[in-house]
C-alpha atoms as a PDB file:
ATOM      1  CA  GLN A   1     -18.153   8.284  -0.082  1.00  0.00           C
ATOM      2  CA  VAL A   2     -14.460   8.314  -0.856  1.00  0.00           C
ATOM      3  CA  GLN A   3     -13.019   6.312  -3.721  1.00  0.00           C
ATOM      4  CA  VAL A   4      -9.625   4.726  -3.212  1.00  0.00           C
ATOM      5  CA  GLU A   5      -7.663   3.498  -6.201  1.00  0.00           C
ATOM      6  CA  GLU A   6      -4.443   1.505  -6.317  1.00  0.00           C
ATOM      7  CA  SER A   7      -2.181   1.478  -9.351  1.00  0.00           C
ATOM      8  CA  GLY A   8       1.302   0.441 -10.371  1.00  0.00           C
ATOM      9  CA  GLY A   9       1.073  -3.309 -10.113  1.00  0.00           C
ATOM     10  CA  GLY A  10       2.386  -5.653 -12.749  1.00  0.00           C
ATOM     11  CA  LEU A  11       4.819  -8.425 -13.603  1.00  0.00           C
ATOM     12  CA  VAL A  12       8.442  -8.014 -12.564  1.00  0.00           C
ATOM     13  CA  GLN A  13      11.431 -10.326 -12.359  1.00  0.00           C
ATOM     14  CA  PRO A  14      12.960 -11.262  -8.996  1.00  0.00           C
ATOM     15  CA  GLY A  15      15.270  -8.485  -7.833  1.00  0.00           C
ATOM     16  CA  GLY A  16      13.263  -5.868  -9.683  1.00  0.00           C
ATOM     17  CA  SER A  17      11.261  -2.896  -8.435  1.00  0.00           C
ATOM     18  CA  LEU A  18       7.735  -1.559  -8.618  1.00  0.00           C
ATOM     19  CA  ARG A  19       6.082   1.527  -7.200  1.00  0.00           C
ATOM     20  CA  LEU A  20       2.474   1.218  -6.127  1.00  0.00           C
ATOM     21  CA  SER A  21       0.271   4.264  -5.702  1.00  0.00           C
ATOM     22  CA  CYS A  22      -2.865   4.730  -3.620  1.00  0.00           C
ATOM     23  CA  THR A  23      -4.982   7.752  -4.514  1.00  0.00           C
ATOM     24  CA  ALA A  24      -8.060   9.026  -2.686  1.00  0.00           C
ATOM     25  CA  SER A  25     -10.850  10.971  -4.378  1.00  0.00           C
ATOM     26  CA  ARG A  26     -10.883  13.505  -1.545  1.00  0.00           C
ATOM     27  CA  SER A  27      -8.167  15.251   0.440  1.00  0.00           C
ATOM     28  CA  ILE A  28      -8.006  12.842   3.360  1.00  0.00           C
ATOM     29  CA  ILE A  29      -4.527  11.391   3.036  1.00  0.00           C
ATOM     30  CA  SER A  30      -3.063  13.851   5.538  1.00  0.00           C
ATOM     31  CA  THR A  31      -5.554  12.855   8.246  1.00  0.00           C
ATOM     32  CA  SER A  32      -5.567   9.121   7.592  1.00  0.00           C
ATOM     33  CA  VAL A  33      -3.597   6.142   8.733  1.00  0.00           C
ATOM     34  CA  VAL A  34      -2.766   4.698   5.326  1.00  0.00           C
ATOM     35  CA  ALA A  35      -1.821   1.041   5.210  1.00  0.00           C
ATOM     36  CA  TRP A  36      -0.940  -1.459   2.539  1.00  0.00           C
ATOM     37  CA  TYR A  37      -2.006  -5.055   2.876  1.00  0.00           C
ATOM     38  CA  ARG A  38      -1.496  -7.970   0.539  1.00  0.00           C
ATOM     39  CA  GLN A  39      -3.149 -11.290  -0.043  1.00  0.00           C
ATOM     40  CA  ALA A  40      -1.602 -14.184  -1.908  1.00  0.00           C
ATOM     41  CA  PRO A  41      -3.787 -16.952  -3.358  1.00  0.00           C
ATOM     42  CA  GLY A  42      -4.991 -19.262  -0.628  1.00  0.00           C
ATOM     43  CA  GLU A  43      -3.453 -17.115   2.115  1.00  0.00           C
ATOM     44  CA  GLN A  44      -4.789 -14.762   4.757  1.00  0.00           C
ATOM     45  CA  PRO A  45      -4.393 -11.011   4.202  1.00  0.00           C
ATOM     46  CA  GLU A  46      -1.064  -9.737   5.481  1.00  0.00           C
ATOM     47  CA  PHE A  47      -0.062  -6.302   6.734  1.00  0.00           C
ATOM     48  CA  VAL A  48       2.740  -4.743   4.670  1.00  0.00           C
ATOM     49  CA  ALA A  49       3.316  -1.124   5.696  1.00  0.00           C
ATOM     50  CA  LEU A  50       1.626   1.941   7.130  1.00  0.00           C
ATOM     51  CA  LEU A  51       2.015   5.698   7.181  1.00  0.00           C
ATOM     52  CA  ALA A  52       0.485   7.701  10.022  1.00  0.00           C
ATOM     53  CA  PRO A  53      -0.552  11.377   9.771  1.00  0.00           C
ATOM     54  CA  ARG A  54       2.568  12.641  11.549  1.00  0.00           C
ATOM     55  CA  GLY A  55       4.859  10.686   9.278  1.00  0.00           C
ATOM     56  CA  THR A  56       5.385   7.623  11.435  1.00  0.00           C
ATOM     57  CA  THR A  57       5.931   4.486   9.390  1.00  0.00           C
ATOM     58  CA  ASN A  58       5.799   0.804  10.212  1.00  0.00           C
ATOM     59  CA  TYR A  59       6.675  -2.244   8.140  1.00  0.00           C
ATOM     60  CA  ALA A  60       6.199  -5.959   8.255  1.00  0.00           C
ATOM     61  CA  ASP A  61       9.451  -7.762   9.022  1.00  0.00           C
ATOM     62  CA  SER A  62       9.262  -9.503   5.667  1.00  0.00           C
ATOM     63  CA  VAL A  63       9.570  -6.204   3.754  1.00  0.00           C
ATOM     64  CA  LYS A  64      11.789  -4.089   6.036  1.00  0.00           C
ATOM     65  CA  GLY A  65      14.724  -2.645   4.171  1.00  0.00           C
ATOM     66  CA  ARG A  66      13.122  -3.379   0.788  1.00  0.00           C
ATOM     67  CA  PHE A  67       9.827  -1.421   0.813  1.00  0.00           C
ATOM     68  CA  THR A  68       9.313   2.261   1.538  1.00  0.00           C
ATOM     69  CA  ILE A  69       5.986   3.991   2.130  1.00  0.00           C
ATOM     70  CA  SER A  70       5.663   7.723   1.516  1.00  0.00           C
ATOM     71  CA  GLY A  71       2.918  10.308   1.178  1.00  0.00           C
ATOM     72  CA  ASP A  72       2.157  13.120  -1.256  1.00  0.00           C
ATOM     73  CA  ASN A  73      -0.607  15.083   0.433  1.00  0.00           C
ATOM     74  CA  ALA A  74      -0.911  17.569  -2.415  1.00  0.00           C
ATOM     75  CA  ARG A  75      -1.877  14.715  -4.754  1.00  0.00           C
ATOM     76  CA  ASN A  76      -3.873  12.752  -2.156  1.00  0.00           C
ATOM     77  CA  THR A  77      -1.559   9.857  -2.892  1.00  0.00           C
ATOM     78  CA  VAL A  78       0.560   7.400  -0.937  1.00  0.00           C
ATOM     79  CA  HIS A  79       3.296   5.418  -2.646  1.00  0.00           C
ATOM     80  CA  LEU A  80       4.799   2.056  -1.818  1.00  0.00           C
ATOM     81  CA  GLN A  81       8.240   1.693  -3.368  1.00  0.00           C
ATOM     82  CA  MET A  82       9.110  -1.984  -3.573  1.00  0.00           C
ATOM     83  CA  ASN A  83      12.706  -2.959  -4.299  1.00  0.00           C
ATOM     84  CA  SER A  84      14.530  -6.288  -4.384  1.00  0.00           C
ATOM     85  CA  LEU A  85      11.261  -8.050  -5.055  1.00  0.00           C
ATOM     86  CA  LYS A  86      10.986 -11.757  -4.360  1.00  0.00           C
ATOM     87  CA  PRO A  87       8.571 -14.374  -5.700  1.00  0.00           C
ATOM     88  CA  GLU A  88       6.984 -14.508  -2.245  1.00  0.00           C
ATOM     89  CA  ASP A  89       5.946 -10.863  -2.663  1.00  0.00           C
ATOM     90  CA  THR A  90       3.458 -11.996  -5.293  1.00  0.00           C
ATOM     91  CA  ALA A  91      -0.022 -11.005  -4.136  1.00  0.00           C
ATOM     92  CA  VAL A  92      -2.874  -8.587  -4.638  1.00  0.00           C
ATOM     93  CA  TYR A  93      -1.963  -5.385  -2.819  1.00  0.00           C
ATOM     94  CA  TYR A  94      -4.694  -3.348  -1.164  1.00  0.00           C
ATOM     95  CA  CYS A  95      -4.656   0.183   0.182  1.00  0.00           C
ATOM     96  CA  ASN A  96      -6.607   1.107   3.323  1.00  0.00           C
ATOM     97  CA  LEU A  97      -7.379   4.589   4.629  1.00  0.00           C
ATOM     98  CA  LYS A  98      -8.578   4.750   8.189  1.00  0.00           C
ATOM     99  CA  LYS A  99      -9.338   7.469  10.719  1.00  0.00           C
ATOM    100  CA  PHE A 100      -9.818   6.509  14.354  1.00  0.00           C
ATOM    101  CA  THR A 101     -11.060   9.839  15.723  1.00  0.00           C
ATOM    102  CA  LEU A 102     -14.480  11.253  14.963  1.00  0.00           C
ATOM    103  CA  PRO A 103     -15.633  11.329  12.262  1.00  0.00           C
ATOM    104  CA  THR A 104     -14.182   7.898  11.692  1.00  0.00           C
ATOM    105  CA  TYR A 105     -13.862   6.169   8.347  1.00  0.00           C
ATOM    106  CA  ASP A 106     -12.428   3.020   6.840  1.00  0.00           C
ATOM    107  CA  TYR A 107     -11.953   2.927   3.061  1.00  0.00           C
ATOM    108  CA  TRP A 108     -10.451   0.200   0.889  1.00  0.00           C
ATOM    109  CA  GLY A 109      -9.349   0.079  -2.707  1.00  0.00           C
ATOM    110  CA  GLN A 110      -9.989  -2.755  -5.155  1.00  0.00           C
ATOM    111  CA  GLY A 111      -6.399  -3.944  -5.162  1.00  0.00           C
ATOM    112  CA  THR A 112      -3.596  -4.203  -7.692  1.00  0.00           C
ATOM    113  CA  GLN A 113      -1.858  -7.422  -8.702  1.00  0.00           C
ATOM    114  CA  VAL A 114       1.890  -7.772  -8.191  1.00  0.00           C
ATOM    115  CA  THR A 115       3.554 -10.816  -9.719  1.00  0.00           C
ATOM    116  CA  VAL A 116       7.236 -11.532  -9.207  1.00  0.00           C
ATOM    117  CA  SER A 117       8.397 -14.264 -11.544  1.00  0.00           C
ATOM    118  CA  TRP A 118      10.857 -15.188 -14.249  1.00  0.00           C
END
């Protein structure tokens, strides 16, 4: 079983920045599709960004130009740099590691809270 841990959340003012990190307990980042999702209170989970094994990235329209996802395979870590944060970015952010070819896997972290407020 692989443990996935998110970190870096916190309270930040509108316009500020945070960097979230997603670390796996085994060296699987390089073979995973790593995605960030978020869920605000009373809302459905929402896709935020993903990083594919060959470096392809994809972002939700709501975060394009403000968020950047990047990988550090040596540290089994993926980062989500969040700039120009808005109150509507407030949510619990979850990291997901998934592999679609055999052997498949689908691992989730426990989430990290991001609050954007004055």
